[in-house]
Amino acid sequence: MMVLNDCGEDEVAIEFGSGDGLPVINSLLKNQFNGKIDGYELNQSACEVANAKIATYELEDRYVIHNSCFFNSAKPDSRYLVSNPPYLPSLDDDIYLPLLRGGMDGSGITRQLLSLDYENVMLMISSYSNPVDTIDYAIVKGYYVSKFLVTPLEFGYYSSEPKVRNTIAKLREHNMAFYSENVYLLAGVLFQKQHKAPVDLSNELIQLMTSL
C-alpha cells in the first residue's frame, strides 16, 4: 500500500520474489491502482498458485508473475521495486528452505536489491538480520527511509531451525541482531532516493529495530 498509494495511474512496479502473490493481491483489492505489477518468482509451484489466484480475482491486467530469475530477466522500466526478500541468516544453504537464506547475516539479497538503483524500493527488514548496517548501506546508496511500519512477530518454523537460531544468536553478540525471547521485529520500509524523499526517518527506524 505504501507503493500503490504513491504510484501514478499508468505506473509499472517490479516485484522480486512474489511467492503466492497474496500480499499484492490483497493490496490491489483495496486500492484503485490502475497500473501494472510485474512479479518474478523462481519457484514454479508458487508461481502457478499465484497466477491462479490472480485469475480468480480477475487481476490479470494489473498483476503478472513470471516464473524466471529476477536478476537475469529483462524487466520493464520502473521507478518502483517491492520485495519481501529472503532474510534468514545462515553460514550456508544447508537449511530447511535454502531459498529463504539471505546470506551470512541475512541482509545479502536486501543489499543486492538496494544496489539496483530503483528510485523507490519497498522492502521487508528483519531486526535479526543486521538491520543497522542494512539501513546504513541504503544511505550510502543514496536512499532515505521515507515511510515504515513495524510489526512484532514470533519466531516461525524456518527461523527456529537450530542452525538459523544459532547464527542469529552469534549475530546478536556482535550487535547485528535484535530480538527478545518471544519476538523479533519486521519492518516494511519504503526507501526513496534522497533527492525525492520528503523526510528521512532512518534514525527513528534504527531506534525501533534495535529496541529489543
N, C-alpha and C. Protein backbone atom coordinates (compact mmCIF):
# COMPACT_ATOMS: atom_id res chain seq x y z
N MET A 1 0.83 -1.20 0.00
CA MET A 1 0.00 0.00 0.00
C MET A 1 0.87 1.26 0.00
N MET A 2 2.04 1.20 0.66
CA MET A 2 2.95 2.34 0.65
C MET A 2 3.32 2.73 -0.78
N VAL A 3 3.50 1.72 -1.62
CA VAL A 3 3.88 1.97 -3.01
C VAL A 3 2.67 2.33 -3.85
N LEU A 4 1.61 1.55 -3.77
CA LEU A 4 0.46 1.76 -4.65
C LEU A 4 -0.19 3.12 -4.43
N ASN A 5 -0.20 3.59 -3.20
CA ASN A 5 -0.80 4.90 -2.93
C ASN A 5 0.00 6.04 -3.53
N ASP A 6 1.26 5.75 -3.86
CA ASP A 6 2.14 6.78 -4.38
C ASP A 6 2.30 6.70 -5.90
N CYS A 7 1.84 5.61 -6.50
CA CYS A 7 2.05 5.38 -7.93
C CYS A 7 1.11 6.23 -8.79
N GLY A 8 1.60 6.58 -9.96
CA GLY A 8 0.75 7.24 -10.95
C GLY A 8 -0.21 6.25 -11.58
N GLU A 9 -1.14 6.76 -12.39
CA GLU A 9 -2.21 5.92 -12.93
C GLU A 9 -1.69 4.80 -13.83
N ASP A 10 -0.67 5.08 -14.64
CA ASP A 10 -0.15 4.08 -15.58
C ASP A 10 1.22 3.56 -15.15
N GLU A 11 1.49 3.61 -13.87
CA GLU A 11 2.80 3.23 -13.35
C GLU A 11 3.01 1.71 -13.46
N VAL A 12 4.27 1.32 -13.63
CA VAL A 12 4.66 -0.09 -13.59
C VAL A 12 5.55 -0.29 -12.38
N ALA A 13 5.24 -1.30 -11.56
CA ALA A 13 6.07 -1.64 -10.42
C ALA A 13 6.65 -3.04 -10.63
N ILE A 14 7.84 -3.28 -10.09
CA ILE A 14 8.52 -4.56 -10.21
C ILE A 14 8.54 -5.23 -8.84
N GLU A 15 8.28 -6.55 -8.83
CA GLU A 15 8.30 -7.29 -7.56
C GLU A 15 9.31 -8.44 -7.64
N PHE A 16 10.20 -8.49 -6.66
CA PHE A 16 11.15 -9.60 -6.55
C PHE A 16 10.61 -10.61 -5.55
N GLY A 17 10.48 -11.88 -5.97
CA GLY A 17 10.04 -12.93 -5.07
C GLY A 17 8.57 -12.82 -4.72
N SER A 18 7.70 -13.15 -5.66
CA SER A 18 6.26 -12.95 -5.49
C SER A 18 5.61 -13.96 -4.56
N GLY A 19 6.21 -15.15 -4.40
CA GLY A 19 5.59 -16.18 -3.57
C GLY A 19 4.22 -16.56 -4.09
N ASP A 20 3.24 -16.63 -3.19
CA ASP A 20 1.88 -17.00 -3.62
C ASP A 20 1.07 -15.79 -4.09
N GLY A 21 1.69 -14.61 -4.10
CA GLY A 21 1.03 -13.42 -4.65
C GLY A 21 0.04 -12.73 -3.75
N LEU A 22 -0.27 -13.32 -2.59
CA LEU A 22 -1.35 -12.78 -1.76
C LEU A 22 -1.13 -11.36 -1.24
N PRO A 23 0.07 -10.99 -0.79
CA PRO A 23 0.24 -9.61 -0.31
C PRO A 23 -0.13 -8.57 -1.36
N VAL A 24 0.31 -8.77 -2.59
CA VAL A 24 -0.01 -7.80 -3.64
C VAL A 24 -1.48 -7.89 -4.03
N ILE A 25 -2.00 -9.11 -4.12
CA ILE A 25 -3.42 -9.29 -4.47
C ILE A 25 -4.30 -8.55 -3.46
N ASN A 26 -4.02 -8.74 -2.17
CA ASN A 26 -4.82 -8.07 -1.13
C ASN A 26 -4.72 -6.56 -1.24
N SER A 27 -3.53 -6.06 -1.57
CA SER A 27 -3.36 -4.61 -1.73
C SER A 27 -4.13 -4.09 -2.94
N LEU A 28 -4.08 -4.83 -4.04
CA LEU A 28 -4.78 -4.40 -5.25
C LEU A 28 -6.29 -4.37 -5.04
N LEU A 29 -6.80 -5.30 -4.24
CA LEU A 29 -8.24 -5.34 -3.98
C LEU A 29 -8.71 -4.17 -3.13
N LYS A 30 -7.77 -3.54 -2.42
CA LYS A 30 -8.12 -2.41 -1.55
C LYS A 30 -7.71 -1.07 -2.13
N ASN A 31 -7.21 -1.08 -3.36
CA ASN A 31 -6.63 0.13 -3.93
C ASN A 31 -7.12 0.34 -5.35
N GLN A 32 -7.18 1.60 -5.77
CA GLN A 32 -7.64 1.93 -7.12
C GLN A 32 -6.49 1.99 -8.12
N PHE A 33 -5.36 1.42 -7.77
CA PHE A 33 -4.19 1.41 -8.65
C PHE A 33 -4.55 0.79 -10.01
N ASN A 34 -4.30 1.54 -11.07
CA ASN A 34 -4.65 1.06 -12.41
C ASN A 34 -3.43 0.76 -13.27
N GLY A 35 -2.26 0.74 -12.64
CA GLY A 35 -1.05 0.41 -13.38
C GLY A 35 -0.85 -1.09 -13.44
N LYS A 36 0.39 -1.51 -13.48
CA LYS A 36 0.70 -2.94 -13.60
C LYS A 36 1.86 -3.30 -12.69
N ILE A 37 1.80 -4.50 -12.12
CA ILE A 37 2.89 -5.03 -11.31
C ILE A 37 3.43 -6.27 -12.00
N ASP A 38 4.72 -6.25 -12.30
CA ASP A 38 5.40 -7.41 -12.88
C ASP A 38 6.17 -8.11 -11.77
N GLY A 39 5.74 -9.33 -11.42
CA GLY A 39 6.41 -10.09 -10.38
C GLY A 39 7.30 -11.18 -10.95
N TYR A 40 8.32 -11.56 -10.18
CA TYR A 40 9.25 -12.59 -10.61
C TYR A 40 9.42 -13.59 -9.47
N GLU A 41 9.18 -14.88 -9.77
CA GLU A 41 9.21 -15.92 -8.76
C GLU A 41 9.91 -17.16 -9.32
N LEU A 42 10.97 -17.62 -8.64
CA LEU A 42 11.74 -18.77 -9.11
C LEU A 42 10.99 -20.09 -8.92
N ASN A 43 10.24 -20.21 -7.84
CA ASN A 43 9.55 -21.46 -7.53
C ASN A 43 8.35 -21.64 -8.47
N GLN A 44 8.41 -22.69 -9.30
CA GLN A 44 7.37 -22.88 -10.30
C GLN A 44 6.00 -23.14 -9.68
N SER A 45 5.96 -23.96 -8.63
CA SER A 45 4.68 -24.26 -7.98
C SER A 45 4.05 -23.01 -7.39
N ALA A 46 4.87 -22.19 -6.71
CA ALA A 46 4.36 -20.94 -6.13
C ALA A 46 3.85 -20.01 -7.21
N CYS A 47 4.57 -19.96 -8.32
CA CYS A 47 4.17 -19.10 -9.43
C CYS A 47 2.83 -19.53 -10.01
N GLU A 48 2.64 -20.84 -10.17
CA GLU A 48 1.37 -21.34 -10.71
C GLU A 48 0.21 -21.05 -9.77
N VAL A 49 0.45 -21.24 -8.47
CA VAL A 49 -0.59 -20.94 -7.48
C VAL A 49 -0.94 -19.46 -7.51
N ALA A 50 0.10 -18.62 -7.56
CA ALA A 50 -0.12 -17.17 -7.56
C ALA A 50 -0.92 -16.72 -8.78
N ASN A 51 -0.55 -17.19 -9.95
CA ASN A 51 -1.26 -16.77 -11.16
C ASN A 51 -2.70 -17.30 -11.18
N ALA A 52 -2.93 -18.46 -10.56
CA ALA A 52 -4.30 -18.97 -10.45
C ALA A 52 -5.13 -18.05 -9.56
N LYS A 53 -4.54 -17.58 -8.47
CA LYS A 53 -5.25 -16.66 -7.58
C LYS A 53 -5.51 -15.33 -8.27
N ILE A 54 -4.54 -14.87 -9.03
CA ILE A 54 -4.70 -13.63 -9.78
C ILE A 54 -5.88 -13.74 -10.74
N ALA A 55 -5.99 -14.90 -11.41
CA ALA A 55 -7.10 -15.12 -12.33
C ALA A 55 -8.43 -15.18 -11.59
N THR A 56 -8.42 -15.79 -10.41
CA THR A 56 -9.66 -15.90 -9.62
C THR A 56 -10.21 -14.52 -9.29
N TYR A 57 -9.33 -13.60 -8.98
CA TYR A 57 -9.74 -12.24 -8.62
C TYR A 57 -9.79 -11.30 -9.83
N GLU A 58 -9.58 -11.86 -11.03
CA GLU A 58 -9.66 -11.10 -12.28
C GLU A 58 -8.73 -9.88 -12.26
N LEU A 59 -7.50 -10.14 -11.85
CA LEU A 59 -6.50 -9.07 -11.76
C LEU A 59 -5.39 -9.23 -12.81
N GLU A 60 -5.64 -10.05 -13.83
CA GLU A 60 -4.59 -10.34 -14.81
C GLU A 60 -4.07 -9.11 -15.54
N ASP A 61 -4.91 -8.08 -15.66
CA ASP A 61 -4.47 -6.87 -16.37
C ASP A 61 -3.59 -5.99 -15.49
N ARG A 62 -3.55 -6.28 -14.17
CA ARG A 62 -2.77 -5.44 -13.27
C ARG A 62 -1.62 -6.16 -12.58
N TYR A 63 -1.62 -7.49 -12.62
CA TYR A 63 -0.61 -8.25 -11.89
C TYR A 63 -0.24 -9.50 -12.68
N VAL A 64 1.01 -9.60 -13.07
CA VAL A 64 1.52 -10.76 -13.81
C VAL A 64 2.78 -11.25 -13.11
N ILE A 65 2.86 -12.56 -12.87
CA ILE A 65 4.03 -13.14 -12.22
C ILE A 65 4.74 -14.05 -13.21
N HIS A 66 6.03 -13.80 -13.38
CA HIS A 66 6.85 -14.56 -14.31
C HIS A 66 7.67 -15.60 -13.54
N ASN A 67 7.67 -16.84 -14.04
CA ASN A 67 8.47 -17.89 -13.42
C ASN A 67 9.90 -17.83 -13.98
N SER A 68 10.64 -16.84 -13.51
CA SER A 68 12.01 -16.64 -14.00
C SER A 68 12.83 -15.93 -12.95
N CYS A 69 14.15 -15.98 -13.14
CA CYS A 69 15.07 -15.33 -12.20
C CYS A 69 15.01 -13.82 -12.37
N PHE A 70 14.71 -13.13 -11.32
CA PHE A 70 14.61 -11.67 -11.36
C PHE A 70 15.89 -11.03 -11.89
N PHE A 71 17.02 -11.48 -11.40
CA PHE A 71 18.29 -10.83 -11.73
C PHE A 71 18.72 -11.08 -13.18
N ASN A 72 18.19 -12.16 -13.79
CA ASN A 72 18.58 -12.49 -15.16
C ASN A 72 17.50 -12.19 -16.18
N SER A 73 16.41 -11.55 -15.76
CA SER A 73 15.28 -11.30 -16.65
C SER A 73 15.30 -9.87 -17.19
N ALA A 74 14.82 -9.74 -18.42
CA ALA A 74 14.58 -8.40 -18.97
C ALA A 74 13.33 -7.85 -18.31
N LYS A 75 13.44 -6.66 -17.73
CA LYS A 75 12.32 -6.09 -16.98
C LYS A 75 11.92 -4.74 -17.56
N PRO A 76 10.64 -4.39 -17.46
CA PRO A 76 10.21 -3.07 -17.94
C PRO A 76 10.79 -1.96 -17.08
N ASP A 77 10.91 -0.78 -17.66
CA ASP A 77 11.37 0.37 -16.88
C ASP A 77 10.38 0.65 -15.76
N SER A 78 10.91 0.97 -14.59
CA SER A 78 10.04 1.23 -13.45
C SER A 78 10.75 2.10 -12.44
N ARG A 79 9.97 2.88 -11.72
CA ARG A 79 10.52 3.68 -10.62
C ARG A 79 10.38 2.96 -9.28
N TYR A 80 9.69 1.79 -9.29
CA TYR A 80 9.35 1.12 -8.04
C TYR A 80 9.77 -0.34 -8.04
N LEU A 81 10.42 -0.75 -6.97
CA LEU A 81 10.75 -2.15 -6.72
C LEU A 81 10.20 -2.52 -5.35
N VAL A 82 9.48 -3.63 -5.27
CA VAL A 82 8.94 -4.10 -3.99
C VAL A 82 9.38 -5.53 -3.75
N SER A 83 9.61 -5.88 -2.48
CA SER A 83 10.04 -7.24 -2.19
C SER A 83 9.97 -7.55 -0.71
N ASN A 84 9.64 -8.81 -0.43
CA ASN A 84 9.86 -9.39 0.89
C ASN A 84 11.01 -10.37 0.67
N PRO A 85 12.25 -9.88 0.68
CA PRO A 85 13.38 -10.71 0.27
C PRO A 85 13.72 -11.77 1.32
N PRO A 86 14.40 -12.84 0.91
CA PRO A 86 14.89 -13.82 1.88
C PRO A 86 15.80 -13.14 2.90
N TYR A 87 15.57 -13.41 4.20
CA TYR A 87 16.39 -12.73 5.20
C TYR A 87 16.85 -13.65 6.33
N LEU A 88 16.75 -14.97 6.13
CA LEU A 88 17.25 -15.88 7.16
C LEU A 88 18.79 -15.87 7.14
N PRO A 89 19.44 -15.62 8.26
CA PRO A 89 20.90 -15.68 8.29
C PRO A 89 21.38 -17.12 8.49
N SER A 90 22.36 -17.52 7.70
CA SER A 90 22.94 -18.85 7.83
C SER A 90 24.30 -18.87 7.13
N LEU A 91 25.22 -19.67 7.64
CA LEU A 91 26.55 -19.72 7.07
C LEU A 91 26.56 -20.34 5.68
N ASP A 92 25.55 -21.19 5.37
CA ASP A 92 25.48 -21.83 4.06
C ASP A 92 24.03 -22.15 3.73
N ASP A 93 23.81 -22.79 2.59
CA ASP A 93 22.45 -23.08 2.11
C ASP A 93 21.86 -24.36 2.68
N ASP A 94 22.58 -25.05 3.55
CA ASP A 94 22.12 -26.32 4.09
C ASP A 94 21.14 -26.08 5.24
N ILE A 95 19.97 -25.52 4.89
CA ILE A 95 18.89 -25.28 5.86
C ILE A 95 17.59 -25.83 5.29
N TYR A 96 16.52 -25.80 6.09
CA TYR A 96 15.26 -26.41 5.67
C TYR A 96 14.79 -25.90 4.31
N LEU A 97 14.83 -24.59 4.12
CA LEU A 97 14.39 -23.99 2.86
C LEU A 97 15.46 -23.00 2.38
N PRO A 98 16.40 -23.46 1.54
CA PRO A 98 17.54 -22.62 1.13
C PRO A 98 17.13 -21.32 0.46
N LEU A 99 15.96 -21.30 -0.23
CA LEU A 99 15.55 -20.08 -0.92
C LEU A 99 15.23 -18.94 0.04
N LEU A 100 15.11 -19.24 1.34
CA LEU A 100 14.84 -18.19 2.33
C LEU A 100 16.12 -17.61 2.93
N ARG A 101 17.27 -18.15 2.54
CA ARG A 101 18.53 -17.67 3.09
C ARG A 101 18.91 -16.33 2.48
N GLY A 102 19.24 -15.36 3.34
CA GLY A 102 19.63 -14.04 2.89
C GLY A 102 21.10 -13.76 3.05
N GLY A 103 21.91 -14.82 3.13
CA GLY A 103 23.34 -14.64 3.32
C GLY A 103 23.76 -14.90 4.76
N MET A 104 25.03 -14.67 5.06
CA MET A 104 25.55 -14.99 6.38
C MET A 104 24.90 -14.17 7.48
N ASP A 105 24.55 -12.91 7.19
CA ASP A 105 23.89 -12.08 8.20
C ASP A 105 22.42 -11.81 7.86
N GLY A 106 21.92 -12.43 6.80
CA GLY A 106 20.52 -12.27 6.41
C GLY A 106 20.23 -11.09 5.52
N SER A 107 21.20 -10.21 5.30
CA SER A 107 20.92 -8.97 4.56
C SER A 107 21.49 -8.96 3.13
N GLY A 108 22.07 -10.07 2.70
CA GLY A 108 22.76 -10.09 1.42
C GLY A 108 21.89 -9.74 0.22
N ILE A 109 20.75 -10.39 0.11
CA ILE A 109 19.87 -10.13 -1.04
C ILE A 109 19.23 -8.75 -0.91
N THR A 110 18.92 -8.34 0.30
CA THR A 110 18.38 -6.99 0.52
C THR A 110 19.34 -5.94 -0.01
N ARG A 111 20.60 -6.09 0.29
CA ARG A 111 21.60 -5.14 -0.20
C ARG A 111 21.73 -5.20 -1.72
N GLN A 112 21.63 -6.42 -2.25
CA GLN A 112 21.71 -6.57 -3.70
C GLN A 112 20.57 -5.81 -4.39
N LEU A 113 19.38 -5.86 -3.81
CA LEU A 113 18.24 -5.14 -4.37
C LEU A 113 18.43 -3.62 -4.26
N LEU A 114 18.98 -3.18 -3.14
CA LEU A 114 19.23 -1.74 -2.97
C LEU A 114 20.30 -1.22 -3.92
N SER A 115 21.15 -2.11 -4.40
CA SER A 115 22.22 -1.69 -5.30
C SER A 115 21.75 -1.51 -6.74
N LEU A 116 20.48 -1.87 -7.04
CA LEU A 116 19.97 -1.80 -8.41
C LEU A 116 19.54 -0.39 -8.81
N ASP A 117 19.50 0.52 -7.85
CA ASP A 117 19.30 1.95 -8.12
C ASP A 117 17.89 2.33 -8.55
N TYR A 118 16.88 1.54 -8.13
CA TYR A 118 15.50 1.98 -8.37
C TYR A 118 15.22 3.23 -7.53
N GLU A 119 14.37 4.09 -8.02
CA GLU A 119 14.09 5.34 -7.33
C GLU A 119 13.38 5.12 -6.00
N ASN A 120 12.49 4.13 -5.97
CA ASN A 120 11.73 3.78 -4.76
C ASN A 120 11.83 2.28 -4.54
N VAL A 121 12.21 1.87 -3.33
CA VAL A 121 12.36 0.45 -3.02
C VAL A 121 11.64 0.15 -1.71
N MET A 122 10.63 -0.71 -1.77
CA MET A 122 9.89 -1.11 -0.58
C MET A 122 10.33 -2.52 -0.20
N LEU A 123 10.93 -2.67 1.00
CA LEU A 123 11.48 -3.94 1.44
C LEU A 123 11.03 -4.29 2.85
N MET A 124 10.97 -5.59 3.13
CA MET A 124 10.76 -6.06 4.49
C MET A 124 12.13 -6.26 5.13
N ILE A 125 12.33 -5.65 6.30
CA ILE A 125 13.62 -5.69 7.01
C ILE A 125 13.41 -6.35 8.37
N SER A 126 14.20 -7.37 8.67
CA SER A 126 14.07 -8.08 9.95
C SER A 126 15.07 -7.54 10.97
N SER A 127 14.64 -7.51 12.23
CA SER A 127 15.52 -7.00 13.29
C SER A 127 16.64 -7.98 13.63
N TYR A 128 16.54 -9.24 13.17
CA TYR A 128 17.62 -10.18 13.45
C TYR A 128 18.55 -10.38 12.24
N SER A 129 18.40 -9.53 11.22
CA SER A 129 19.21 -9.67 10.00
C SER A 129 20.05 -8.42 9.75
N ASN A 130 20.78 -8.00 10.76
CA ASN A 130 21.70 -6.87 10.66
C ASN A 130 21.01 -5.61 10.13
N PRO A 131 19.96 -5.14 10.79
CA PRO A 131 19.19 -4.01 10.27
C PRO A 131 19.95 -2.69 10.25
N VAL A 132 20.82 -2.46 11.22
CA VAL A 132 21.53 -1.17 11.27
C VAL A 132 22.46 -1.02 10.07
N ASP A 133 23.27 -2.04 9.81
CA ASP A 133 24.18 -1.96 8.66
C ASP A 133 23.40 -1.92 7.35
N THR A 134 22.25 -2.56 7.31
CA THR A 134 21.42 -2.53 6.10
C THR A 134 20.92 -1.12 5.81
N ILE A 135 20.43 -0.46 6.84
CA ILE A 135 19.94 0.92 6.67
C ILE A 135 21.10 1.85 6.31
N ASP A 136 22.24 1.65 6.96
CA ASP A 136 23.43 2.46 6.64
C ASP A 136 23.85 2.23 5.18
N TYR A 137 23.75 0.99 4.72
CA TYR A 137 24.09 0.67 3.33
C TYR A 137 23.16 1.41 2.38
N ALA A 138 21.86 1.43 2.72
CA ALA A 138 20.89 2.15 1.88
C ALA A 138 21.24 3.63 1.78
N ILE A 139 21.65 4.22 2.89
CA ILE A 139 22.03 5.64 2.89
C ILE A 139 23.23 5.87 1.98
N VAL A 140 24.22 4.98 2.07
CA VAL A 140 25.40 5.09 1.20
C VAL A 140 24.99 5.00 -0.27
N LYS A 141 23.97 4.20 -0.56
CA LYS A 141 23.49 4.03 -1.92
C LYS A 141 22.56 5.17 -2.36
N GLY A 142 22.39 6.17 -1.50
CA GLY A 142 21.63 7.35 -1.89
C GLY A 142 20.17 7.35 -1.49
N TYR A 143 19.79 6.49 -0.52
CA TYR A 143 18.39 6.41 -0.09
C TYR A 143 18.20 7.01 1.30
N TYR A 144 16.97 7.45 1.54
CA TYR A 144 16.49 7.75 2.88
C TYR A 144 15.30 6.84 3.17
N VAL A 145 15.01 6.64 4.44
CA VAL A 145 13.79 5.95 4.85
C VAL A 145 12.68 6.98 4.90
N SER A 146 11.69 6.88 4.01
CA SER A 146 10.64 7.88 3.97
C SER A 146 9.37 7.43 4.69
N LYS A 147 9.14 6.10 4.76
CA LYS A 147 7.98 5.56 5.46
C LYS A 147 8.35 4.18 6.00
N PHE A 148 7.71 3.79 7.10
CA PHE A 148 7.89 2.42 7.57
C PHE A 148 6.76 2.02 8.49
N LEU A 149 6.57 0.72 8.60
CA LEU A 149 5.59 0.13 9.50
C LEU A 149 6.23 -1.08 10.16
N VAL A 150 6.25 -1.13 11.49
CA VAL A 150 6.94 -2.20 12.22
C VAL A 150 5.92 -3.10 12.93
N THR A 151 6.15 -4.42 12.81
CA THR A 151 5.25 -5.39 13.43
C THR A 151 6.07 -6.42 14.21
N PRO A 152 5.68 -6.76 15.44
CA PRO A 152 6.36 -7.84 16.17
C PRO A 152 5.86 -9.20 15.68
N LEU A 153 6.77 -10.14 15.50
CA LEU A 153 6.42 -11.48 15.04
C LEU A 153 7.09 -12.53 15.91
N GLU A 154 6.41 -13.65 16.10
CA GLU A 154 7.03 -14.78 16.79
C GLU A 154 7.94 -15.52 15.82
N PHE A 155 8.97 -16.15 16.35
CA PHE A 155 9.84 -16.96 15.51
C PHE A 155 9.03 -18.13 14.95
N GLY A 156 9.14 -18.35 13.64
CA GLY A 156 8.39 -19.41 12.99
C GLY A 156 9.22 -20.67 12.80
N TYR A 157 8.70 -21.56 11.98
CA TYR A 157 9.33 -22.86 11.75
C TYR A 157 10.74 -22.70 11.19
N TYR A 158 10.91 -21.87 10.17
CA TYR A 158 12.20 -21.75 9.49
C TYR A 158 13.19 -20.93 10.31
N SER A 159 12.72 -19.89 10.96
CA SER A 159 13.64 -19.08 11.77
C SER A 159 14.00 -19.75 13.09
N SER A 160 13.25 -20.80 13.47
CA SER A 160 13.53 -21.54 14.70
C SER A 160 14.44 -22.74 14.47
N GLU A 161 14.76 -23.04 13.20
CA GLU A 161 15.69 -24.12 12.92
C GLU A 161 16.99 -23.88 13.70
N PRO A 162 17.50 -24.88 14.42
CA PRO A 162 18.68 -24.66 15.28
C PRO A 162 19.84 -23.98 14.57
N LYS A 163 20.12 -24.36 13.35
CA LYS A 163 21.25 -23.77 12.63
C LYS A 163 21.03 -22.27 12.40
N VAL A 164 19.81 -21.90 12.10
CA VAL A 164 19.49 -20.49 11.88
C VAL A 164 19.50 -19.74 13.21
N ARG A 165 18.86 -20.30 14.23
CA ARG A 165 18.82 -19.62 15.53
C ARG A 165 20.22 -19.45 16.12
N ASN A 166 21.09 -20.41 15.91
CA ASN A 166 22.47 -20.27 16.39
C ASN A 166 23.19 -19.14 15.69
N THR A 167 22.93 -19.00 14.39
CA THR A 167 23.54 -17.89 13.65
C THR A 167 23.01 -16.55 14.14
N ILE A 168 21.70 -16.50 14.38
CA ILE A 168 21.09 -15.28 14.89
C ILE A 168 21.68 -14.91 16.25
N ALA A 169 21.89 -15.92 17.10
CA ALA A 169 22.46 -15.67 18.43
C ALA A 169 23.88 -15.10 18.32
N LYS A 170 24.65 -15.61 17.37
CA LYS A 170 26.01 -15.09 17.18
C LYS A 170 25.98 -13.66 16.66
N LEU A 171 25.03 -13.38 15.78
CA LEU A 171 24.89 -12.01 15.29
C LEU A 171 24.54 -11.06 16.43
N ARG A 172 23.72 -11.55 17.35
CA ARG A 172 23.34 -10.71 18.49
C ARG A 172 24.54 -10.34 19.34
N GLU A 173 25.49 -11.26 19.49
CA GLU A 173 26.69 -10.99 20.27
C GLU A 173 27.49 -9.83 19.68
N HIS A 174 27.32 -9.58 18.37
CA HIS A 174 28.05 -8.51 17.69
C HIS A 174 27.14 -7.32 17.36
N ASN A 175 26.00 -7.24 18.06
CA ASN A 175 25.04 -6.14 17.85
C ASN A 175 24.56 -6.06 16.40
N MET A 176 24.35 -7.24 15.82
CA MET A 176 23.85 -7.31 14.45
C MET A 176 22.47 -7.97 14.38
N ALA A 177 21.95 -8.39 15.53
CA ALA A 177 20.61 -8.98 15.62
C ALA A 177 19.96 -8.52 16.90
N PHE A 178 18.66 -8.24 16.82
CA PHE A 178 17.92 -7.70 17.97
C PHE A 178 16.58 -8.42 18.07
N TYR A 179 16.33 -9.04 19.22
CA TYR A 179 15.10 -9.79 19.42
C TYR A 179 14.96 -10.09 20.91
N SER A 180 13.75 -10.45 21.32
CA SER A 180 13.51 -10.87 22.69
C SER A 180 13.33 -12.38 22.70
N GLU A 181 13.04 -12.92 23.85
CA GLU A 181 12.82 -14.36 23.95
C GLU A 181 11.65 -14.80 23.09
N ASN A 182 10.67 -13.92 22.93
CA ASN A 182 9.44 -14.30 22.25
C ASN A 182 9.29 -13.78 20.84
N VAL A 183 9.83 -12.60 20.54
CA VAL A 183 9.53 -11.97 19.25
C VAL A 183 10.76 -11.29 18.65
N TYR A 184 10.65 -11.07 17.35
CA TYR A 184 11.55 -10.17 16.64
C TYR A 184 10.68 -9.14 15.94
N LEU A 185 11.28 -8.15 15.34
CA LEU A 185 10.53 -7.10 14.66
C LEU A 185 10.72 -7.21 13.15
N LEU A 186 9.64 -7.02 12.41
CA LEU A 186 9.71 -7.00 10.96
C LEU A 186 9.13 -5.67 10.48
N ALA A 187 9.92 -4.95 9.69
CA ALA A 187 9.50 -3.63 9.23
C ALA A 187 9.30 -3.62 7.72
N GLY A 188 8.19 -3.06 7.29
CA GLY A 188 8.01 -2.73 5.89
C GLY A 188 8.54 -1.32 5.69
N VAL A 189 9.55 -1.18 4.84
CA VAL A 189 10.28 0.09 4.72
C VAL A 189 10.26 0.60 3.29
N LEU A 190 9.88 1.84 3.12
CA LEU A 190 9.96 2.48 1.81
C LEU A 190 11.21 3.34 1.78
N PHE A 191 12.19 2.89 1.00
CA PHE A 191 13.41 3.66 0.76
C PHE A 191 13.20 4.49 -0.50
N GLN A 192 13.49 5.78 -0.42
CA GLN A 192 13.40 6.65 -1.58
C GLN A 192 14.72 7.37 -1.79
N LYS A 193 15.06 7.62 -3.05
CA LYS A 193 16.27 8.35 -3.34
C LYS A 193 16.24 9.69 -2.59
N GLN A 194 17.37 10.09 -2.07
CA GLN A 194 17.44 11.21 -1.15
C GLN A 194 16.90 12.51 -1.74
N HIS A 195 17.04 12.70 -3.04
CA HIS A 195 16.54 13.93 -3.65
C HIS A 195 15.03 13.91 -3.83
N LYS A 196 14.40 12.74 -3.62
CA LYS A 196 12.95 12.60 -3.76
C LYS A 196 12.24 12.44 -2.42
N ALA A 197 12.96 11.96 -1.41
CA ALA A 197 12.34 11.66 -0.12
C ALA A 197 11.91 12.94 0.59
N PRO A 198 10.66 13.02 1.07
CA PRO A 198 10.18 14.21 1.76
C PRO A 198 10.76 14.35 3.16
N VAL A 199 11.25 13.22 3.73
CA VAL A 199 11.77 13.22 5.09
C VAL A 199 12.71 12.02 5.22
N ASP A 200 13.63 12.07 6.19
CA ASP A 200 14.49 10.92 6.45
C ASP A 200 14.20 10.38 7.85
N LEU A 201 13.62 9.18 7.90
CA LEU A 201 13.26 8.55 9.17
C LEU A 201 14.22 7.41 9.51
N SER A 202 15.42 7.46 8.97
CA SER A 202 16.38 6.37 9.18
C SER A 202 16.71 6.19 10.67
N ASN A 203 16.97 7.28 11.37
CA ASN A 203 17.33 7.17 12.79
C ASN A 203 16.17 6.62 13.62
N GLU A 204 14.96 7.07 13.30
CA GLU A 204 13.79 6.57 14.04
C GLU A 204 13.60 5.07 13.82
N LEU A 205 13.82 4.62 12.58
CA LEU A 205 13.68 3.20 12.28
C LEU A 205 14.75 2.38 13.01
N ILE A 206 15.97 2.87 13.02
CA ILE A 206 17.05 2.17 13.71
C ILE A 206 16.74 2.07 15.21
N GLN A 207 16.24 3.14 15.80
CA GLN A 207 15.90 3.11 17.23
C GLN A 207 14.87 2.02 17.53
N LEU A 208 13.87 1.90 16.68
CA LEU A 208 12.83 0.89 16.90
C LEU A 208 13.36 -0.53 16.67
N MET A 209 14.13 -0.72 15.60
CA MET A 209 14.60 -2.06 15.25
C MET A 209 15.62 -2.60 16.24
N THR A 210 16.26 -1.73 17.01
CA THR A 210 17.26 -2.15 17.99
C THR A 210 16.73 -2.08 19.42
N SER A 211 15.42 -1.94 19.57
CA SER A 211 14.84 -1.72 20.90
C SER A 211 14.65 -2.99 21.71
N LEU A 212 14.74 -4.14 21.08
CA LEU A 212 14.52 -5.39 21.83
C LEU A 212 15.82 -5.88 22.46
